[in-house]
Amino acid sequence: METIITAVILLASILLIFIVFVQNPKGGGLSSDFGAAQQIGGVKKTNDFIDKATWSLAGVVAVLSIFLTIQMKSAEPVQEQPAEEPVTEEPAAGQPAQ
């Protein structure tokens, strides 16, 4: 289970990096690269999609990271204390054993 969740986190992180690189912080980005973007579907729709994808992937990474941390902490084996061995008193040097 941990392996699957880790793989999903890695995939979402890689996609998030790609989407952030596509964005332009000054409002251009991928949507401004299309010549007739208003005629095809509009700049607004492209920006909305990229914005929603960014927040969705960030949420997936955050939620799955928290879930994986909780699951791994609960799966740690409990280490038991070794039982104490009974202490036997040995006679002092030079004294006979009773």
Protein backbone atom coordinates (compact mmCIF):
# COMPACT_ATOMS: atom_id res chain seq x y z
CA MET A 1 0.00 0.00 0.00
CA GLU A 2 2.82 2.40 0.84
CA THR A 3 4.43 1.74 -2.53
CA ILE A 4 1.26 2.63 -4.44
CA ILE A 5 0.72 5.84 -2.47
CA THR A 6 4.37 6.81 -2.91
CA ALA A 7 4.11 6.24 -6.67
CA VAL A 8 0.98 8.41 -6.87
CA ILE A 9 2.71 11.17 -4.90
CA LEU A 10 5.72 11.05 -7.23
CA LEU A 11 3.52 11.13 -10.34
CA ALA A 12 1.45 14.04 -9.00
CA SER A 13 4.64 15.91 -8.07
CA ILE A 14 6.11 15.51 -11.56
CA LEU A 15 2.85 16.68 -13.15
CA LEU A 16 2.73 19.62 -10.75
CA ILE A 17 6.25 20.66 -11.74
CA PHE A 18 5.28 20.48 -15.42
CA ILE A 19 2.13 22.56 -14.91
CA VAL A 20 3.99 25.19 -12.89
CA PHE A 21 6.57 25.51 -15.67
CA VAL A 22 3.76 25.98 -18.21
CA GLN A 23 2.33 28.89 -16.24
CA ASN A 24 3.61 32.41 -16.66
CA PRO A 25 3.47 34.49 -13.45
CA LYS A 26 2.63 37.63 -15.45
CA GLY A 27 -0.55 36.21 -16.93
CA GLY A 28 0.79 34.82 -20.21
CA GLY A 29 1.96 31.25 -20.11
CA LEU A 30 0.60 28.53 -22.33
CA SER A 31 -2.58 30.43 -23.10
CA SER A 32 -0.72 33.37 -24.66
CA ASP A 33 1.27 31.09 -26.97
CA PHE A 34 -1.81 30.35 -29.08
CA GLY A 35 -2.32 32.95 -31.82
CA ALA A 36 -6.11 32.88 -32.00
CA ALA A 37 -6.82 31.65 -28.50
CA GLN A 38 -10.05 33.64 -28.19
CA GLN A 39 -11.51 31.89 -31.20
CA ILE A 40 -10.53 28.35 -30.12
CA GLY A 41 -11.82 28.31 -26.56
CA GLY A 42 -10.50 31.39 -24.92
CA VAL A 43 -7.55 32.32 -22.79
CA LYS A 44 -9.77 32.34 -19.73
CA LYS A 45 -10.62 28.64 -20.06
CA THR A 46 -6.98 27.64 -20.47
CA ASN A 47 -5.93 29.70 -17.45
CA ASP A 48 -8.80 28.26 -15.39
CA PHE A 49 -7.80 24.70 -16.31
CA ILE A 50 -4.14 25.24 -15.45
CA ASP A 51 -5.09 26.96 -12.20
CA LYS A 52 -7.46 24.16 -11.16
CA ALA A 53 -4.94 21.50 -12.13
CA THR A 54 -2.25 23.19 -10.05
CA TRP A 55 -4.40 23.37 -6.93
CA SER A 56 -5.76 19.85 -7.42
CA LEU A 57 -2.33 18.27 -7.78
CA ALA A 58 -0.98 20.25 -4.82
CA GLY A 59 -3.92 19.04 -2.73
CA VAL A 60 -3.37 15.43 -3.81
CA VAL A 61 0.31 15.60 -2.85
CA ALA A 62 -0.47 17.19 0.52
CA VAL A 63 -3.31 14.83 1.50
CA LEU A 64 -1.51 11.67 0.39
CA SER A 65 1.69 12.74 2.16
CA ILE A 66 -0.19 13.22 5.43
CA PHE A 67 -2.04 9.91 4.96
CA LEU A 68 1.19 8.05 4.21
CA THR A 69 2.91 9.53 7.26
CA ILE A 70 0.05 8.48 9.56
CA GLN A 71 -0.10 5.01 8.03
CA MET A 72 3.65 4.43 8.36
CA LYS A 73 3.69 5.58 11.99
CA SER A 74 0.85 3.23 12.90
CA ALA A 75 2.57 0.34 11.11
CA GLU A 76 5.80 0.60 13.12
CA PRO A 77 6.32 -2.54 15.20
CA VAL A 78 6.14 -2.05 18.94
CA GLN A 79 9.43 -3.00 20.53
CA GLU A 80 8.91 -5.01 23.66
CA GLN A 81 11.15 -4.60 26.67
CA PRO A 82 13.19 -7.73 27.34
CA ALA A 83 12.12 -9.59 30.47
CA GLU A 84 14.41 -9.01 33.39
CA GLU A 85 16.43 -12.04 34.38
CA PRO A 86 16.22 -13.01 38.05
CA VAL A 87 19.21 -11.85 40.01
CA THR A 88 20.99 -14.60 41.92
CA GLU A 89 23.31 -13.65 44.67
CA GLU A 90 26.68 -15.26 44.43
CA PRO A 91 28.68 -15.81 47.61
CA ALA A 92 31.50 -13.42 48.29
CA ALA A 93 35.00 -14.64 47.63
CA GLY A 94 36.30 -16.88 50.38
CA GLN A 95 32.85 -17.77 51.81
CA PRO A 96 31.33 -21.21 51.37
CA ALA A 97 28.17 -21.58 49.32
CA GLN A 98 25.04 -22.40 51.31
